[in-house]
């Protein structure tokens, strides 16, 4: 069962989304590349049987990656919709 987020967790999530939305597309793509690289390194370390300092780091990175990809996708959809509104 999924637990409800505390007020502090919600505020942190909102701050993170605001931070991602302030970035340009190029900055977002760079961050996505960095996150993917770090995920790959963590997975390699885990598969090799090594200990990971923070086991939740992988989960948090995957969530941040999903958020960054979502912001990028939102912008793409918005740019596709905007020209149509002007021609109508």
Protein backbone atom coordinates (compact mmCIF):
# COMPACT_ATOMS: atom_id res chain seq x y z
CA UNK A 1 0.00 0.00 0.00
CA UNK A 2 1.30 3.45 -0.91
CA UNK A 3 1.80 5.83 1.95
CA UNK A 4 0.69 9.42 1.81
CA UNK A 5 3.37 12.06 1.42
CA UNK A 6 4.07 14.38 4.31
CA UNK A 7 3.83 18.14 3.85
CA UNK A 8 7.64 18.41 3.73
CA UNK A 9 7.89 15.74 1.02
CA UNK A 10 5.26 17.51 -1.07
CA UNK A 11 7.08 20.85 -0.75
CA UNK A 12 10.36 19.22 -1.77
CA UNK A 13 8.69 17.66 -4.81
CA UNK A 14 7.16 20.99 -5.85
CA UNK A 15 10.57 22.69 -5.48
CA UNK A 16 12.21 20.00 -7.59
CA UNK A 17 9.60 20.36 -10.34
CA UNK A 18 9.98 24.15 -10.32
CA UNK A 19 13.74 23.73 -10.59
CA UNK A 20 13.37 21.37 -13.56
CA UNK A 21 10.85 23.66 -15.31
CA UNK A 22 13.23 26.64 -15.01
CA UNK A 23 15.92 24.79 -16.96
CA UNK A 24 16.27 25.09 -20.73
CA UNK A 25 15.82 22.07 -22.98
CA UNK A 26 19.59 21.77 -23.39
CA UNK A 27 20.11 21.83 -19.63
CA UNK A 28 17.40 19.21 -19.17
CA UNK A 29 18.96 16.95 -21.79
CA UNK A 30 22.34 17.34 -20.08
CA UNK A 31 20.83 16.45 -16.70
CA UNK A 32 19.04 13.44 -18.21
CA UNK A 33 22.36 12.21 -19.62
CA UNK A 34 24.07 12.65 -16.25
CA UNK A 35 21.30 10.82 -14.41
CA UNK A 36 21.36 7.92 -16.89
CA UNK A 37 25.13 7.65 -16.48
CA UNK A 38 24.86 7.58 -12.70
CA UNK A 39 22.08 4.98 -12.84
CA UNK A 40 24.23 2.81 -15.10
CA UNK A 41 27.20 3.09 -12.71
CA UNK A 42 25.05 2.23 -9.68
CA UNK A 43 23.51 -0.78 -11.42
CA UNK A 44 26.95 -2.02 -12.45
CA UNK A 45 28.17 -1.69 -8.88
CA UNK A 46 25.12 -3.51 -7.51
CA UNK A 47 25.38 -6.33 -10.08
CA UNK A 48 29.07 -6.77 -9.23
CA UNK A 49 28.05 -7.45 -5.65
CA UNK A 50 29.43 -4.22 -4.28
CA UNK A 51 27.89 -2.34 -1.41
CA UNK A 52 26.09 0.86 -2.23
CA UNK A 53 26.32 3.75 0.24
CA UNK A 54 22.69 4.74 -0.21
CA UNK A 55 20.43 1.97 -1.55
CA UNK A 56 17.59 4.47 -2.13
CA UNK A 57 19.80 6.52 -4.46
CA UNK A 58 18.90 4.35 -7.46
CA UNK A 59 15.18 4.71 -6.81
CA UNK A 60 15.48 8.47 -6.34
CA UNK A 61 17.53 8.83 -9.52
CA UNK A 62 14.96 6.90 -11.54
CA UNK A 63 12.20 9.15 -10.21
CA UNK A 64 14.17 12.31 -11.00
CA UNK A 65 14.85 10.95 -14.50
CA UNK A 66 11.13 10.34 -15.01
CA UNK A 67 10.32 13.88 -13.82
CA UNK A 68 12.89 15.44 -16.17
CA UNK A 69 11.60 13.40 -19.12
CA UNK A 70 8.04 14.41 -18.22
CA UNK A 71 8.92 18.13 -18.22
CA UNK A 72 10.61 17.72 -21.60
CA UNK A 73 7.57 15.87 -22.96
CA UNK A 74 5.20 18.54 -21.60
CA UNK A 75 7.16 21.19 -23.49
CA UNK A 76 7.05 19.17 -26.70
CA UNK A 77 3.30 18.71 -26.46
CA UNK A 78 2.79 22.37 -25.61
CA UNK A 79 4.86 23.48 -28.62
CA UNK A 80 2.82 21.18 -30.89
CA UNK A 81 -0.46 22.55 -29.57
CA UNK A 82 0.50 26.24 -29.63
CA UNK A 83 0.89 26.56 -33.43
CA UNK A 84 -2.48 24.88 -33.96
CA UNK A 85 -4.22 27.39 -31.70
CA UNK A 86 -2.78 30.27 -33.71
CA UNK A 87 -3.99 28.84 -37.04
CA UNK A 88 -7.55 28.18 -35.81
